């Protein structure tokens, strides 16, 4: 599986009950752009990755973990 496809699947899994439109709105990106990310057709920028992480209440690095928990909040240092 290509890295972009794997990342997209993680985003889809992490958004849980949120629709694409809801997550896109929270992240400040278009629903179409999110759909392309989830299908592995678009490589998000670091800025977009940060926006998605914030919208999901995660740190950006957690989007790349094999099994991050949806909605798990990271501890502050």
C-alpha atoms as a PDB file:
ATOM      1  CA  UNK A   1       0.000   0.000   0.000  1.00  0.00           C
ATOM      2  CA  UNK A   2       1.319   3.437  -0.926  1.00  0.00           C
ATOM      3  CA  UNK A   3       2.084   5.825   1.955  1.00  0.00           C
ATOM      4  CA  UNK A   4      -0.561   8.332   0.802  1.00  0.00           C
ATOM      5  CA  UNK A   5      -3.186   5.587   0.715  1.00  0.00           C
ATOM      6  CA  UNK A   6      -2.221   4.346   4.195  1.00  0.00           C
ATOM      7  CA  UNK A   7      -2.359   7.891   5.570  1.00  0.00           C
ATOM      8  CA  UNK A   8      -5.772   8.444   4.004  1.00  0.00           C
ATOM      9  CA  UNK A   9      -7.115   5.256   5.556  1.00  0.00           C
ATOM     10  CA  UNK A  10      -5.866   6.380   8.954  1.00  0.00           C
ATOM     11  CA  UNK A  11      -7.630   9.722   8.599  1.00  0.00           C
ATOM     12  CA  UNK A  12     -10.845   7.983   7.562  1.00  0.00           C
ATOM     13  CA  UNK A  13     -10.623   5.659  10.562  1.00  0.00           C
ATOM     14  CA  UNK A  14      -9.754   8.449  13.000  1.00  0.00           C
ATOM     15  CA  UNK A  15     -12.637  10.678  11.991  1.00  0.00           C
ATOM     16  CA  UNK A  16     -14.970   7.968  13.301  1.00  0.00           C
ATOM     17  CA  UNK A  17     -18.552   9.245  13.326  1.00  0.00           C
ATOM     18  CA  UNK A  18     -17.622  12.623  11.825  1.00  0.00           C
ATOM     19  CA  UNK A  19     -18.622  13.097   8.213  1.00  0.00           C
ATOM     20  CA  UNK A  20     -16.049  14.284   5.705  1.00  0.00           C
ATOM     21  CA  UNK A  21     -17.841  17.628   5.674  1.00  0.00           C
ATOM     22  CA  UNK A  22     -17.674  17.982   9.459  1.00  0.00           C
ATOM     23  CA  UNK A  23     -13.966  17.148   9.640  1.00  0.00           C
ATOM     24  CA  UNK A  24     -13.197  19.377   6.662  1.00  0.00           C
ATOM     25  CA  UNK A  25     -15.036  22.275   8.306  1.00  0.00           C
ATOM     26  CA  UNK A  26     -13.196  21.754  11.609  1.00  0.00           C
ATOM     27  CA  UNK A  27      -9.861  21.598   9.773  1.00  0.00           C
ATOM     28  CA  UNK A  28     -10.564  24.537   7.469  1.00  0.00           C
ATOM     29  CA  UNK A  29     -10.158  22.553   4.244  1.00  0.00           C
ATOM     30  CA  UNK A  30     -12.627  21.623   1.531  1.00  0.00           C
ATOM     31  CA  UNK A  31     -14.567  18.367   1.688  1.00  0.00           C
ATOM     32  CA  UNK A  32     -13.280  17.471  -1.778  1.00  0.00           C
ATOM     33  CA  UNK A  33      -9.681  17.916  -0.678  1.00  0.00           C
ATOM     34  CA  UNK A  34     -10.295  15.700   2.358  1.00  0.00           C
ATOM     35  CA  UNK A  35     -11.935  13.083   0.133  1.00  0.00           C
ATOM     36  CA  UNK A  36      -8.836  13.045  -2.120  1.00  0.00           C
ATOM     37  CA  UNK A  37      -6.566  12.695   0.925  1.00  0.00           C
ATOM     38  CA  UNK A  38      -8.647   9.792   2.249  1.00  0.00           C
ATOM     39  CA  UNK A  39      -8.479   8.014  -1.122  1.00  0.00           C
ATOM     40  CA  UNK A  40      -4.706   8.485  -1.291  1.00  0.00           C
ATOM     41  CA  UNK A  41      -4.947  10.732  -4.343  1.00  0.00           C
ATOM     42  CA  UNK A  42      -3.605  13.864  -2.666  1.00  0.00           C
ATOM     43  CA  UNK A  43      -0.538  14.359  -0.496  1.00  0.00           C
ATOM     44  CA  UNK A  44      -1.374  16.850   2.271  1.00  0.00           C
ATOM     45  CA  UNK A  45       1.084  19.572   3.207  1.00  0.00           C
ATOM     46  CA  UNK A  46       2.485  19.790   6.726  1.00  0.00           C
ATOM     47  CA  UNK A  47       0.076  22.654   7.346  1.00  0.00           C
ATOM     48  CA  UNK A  48      -2.878  20.473   6.344  1.00  0.00           C
ATOM     49  CA  UNK A  49      -1.613  17.608   8.510  1.00  0.00           C
ATOM     50  CA  UNK A  50      -1.462  20.005  11.478  1.00  0.00           C
ATOM     51  CA  UNK A  51      -5.002  21.224  10.738  1.00  0.00           C
ATOM     52  CA  UNK A  52      -6.335  17.667  10.560  1.00  0.00           C
ATOM     53  CA  UNK A  53      -4.576  16.694  13.783  1.00  0.00           C
ATOM     54  CA  UNK A  54      -5.955  19.716  15.617  1.00  0.00           C
ATOM     55  CA  UNK A  55      -9.466  19.016  14.303  1.00  0.00           C
ATOM     56  CA  UNK A  56      -9.170  15.436  15.609  1.00  0.00           C
ATOM     57  CA  UNK A  57      -7.696  16.562  18.962  1.00  0.00           C
ATOM     58  CA  UNK A  58      -4.414  14.771  18.243  1.00  0.00           C
ATOM     59  CA  UNK A  59      -0.800  15.724  17.735  1.00  0.00           C
ATOM     60  CA  UNK A  60       0.388  15.551  14.139  1.00  0.00           C
ATOM     61  CA  UNK A  61       2.698  12.625  14.875  1.00  0.00           C
ATOM     62  CA  UNK A  62      -0.231  10.558  16.095  1.00  0.00           C
ATOM     63  CA  UNK A  63      -1.681  10.612  12.577  1.00  0.00           C
ATOM     64  CA  UNK A  64       1.245   8.426  11.524  1.00  0.00           C
ATOM     65  CA  UNK A  65       1.035   5.864  14.330  1.00  0.00           C
ATOM     66  CA  UNK A  66      -0.256   2.429  13.441  1.00  0.00           C
ATOM     67  CA  UNK A  67      -3.163   2.524  15.882  1.00  0.00           C
ATOM     68  CA  UNK A  68      -3.689   5.918  17.516  1.00  0.00           C
ATOM     69  CA  UNK A  69      -6.868   6.105  19.555  1.00  0.00           C
ATOM     70  CA  UNK A  70      -9.553   8.362  18.051  1.00  0.00           C
ATOM     71  CA  UNK A  71      -9.987  11.506  20.097  1.00  0.00           C
ATOM     72  CA  UNK A  72      -7.092  10.651  22.425  1.00  0.00           C
ATOM     73  CA  UNK A  73      -5.684  13.864  23.768  1.00  0.00           C
ATOM     74  CA  UNK A  74      -1.946  14.137  24.142  1.00  0.00           C
ATOM     75  CA  UNK A  75      -0.388  15.179  27.391  1.00  0.00           C
ATOM     76  CA  UNK A  76       1.169  18.608  27.488  1.00  0.00           C
ATOM     77  CA  UNK A  77       4.837  18.745  28.509  1.00  0.00           C
END
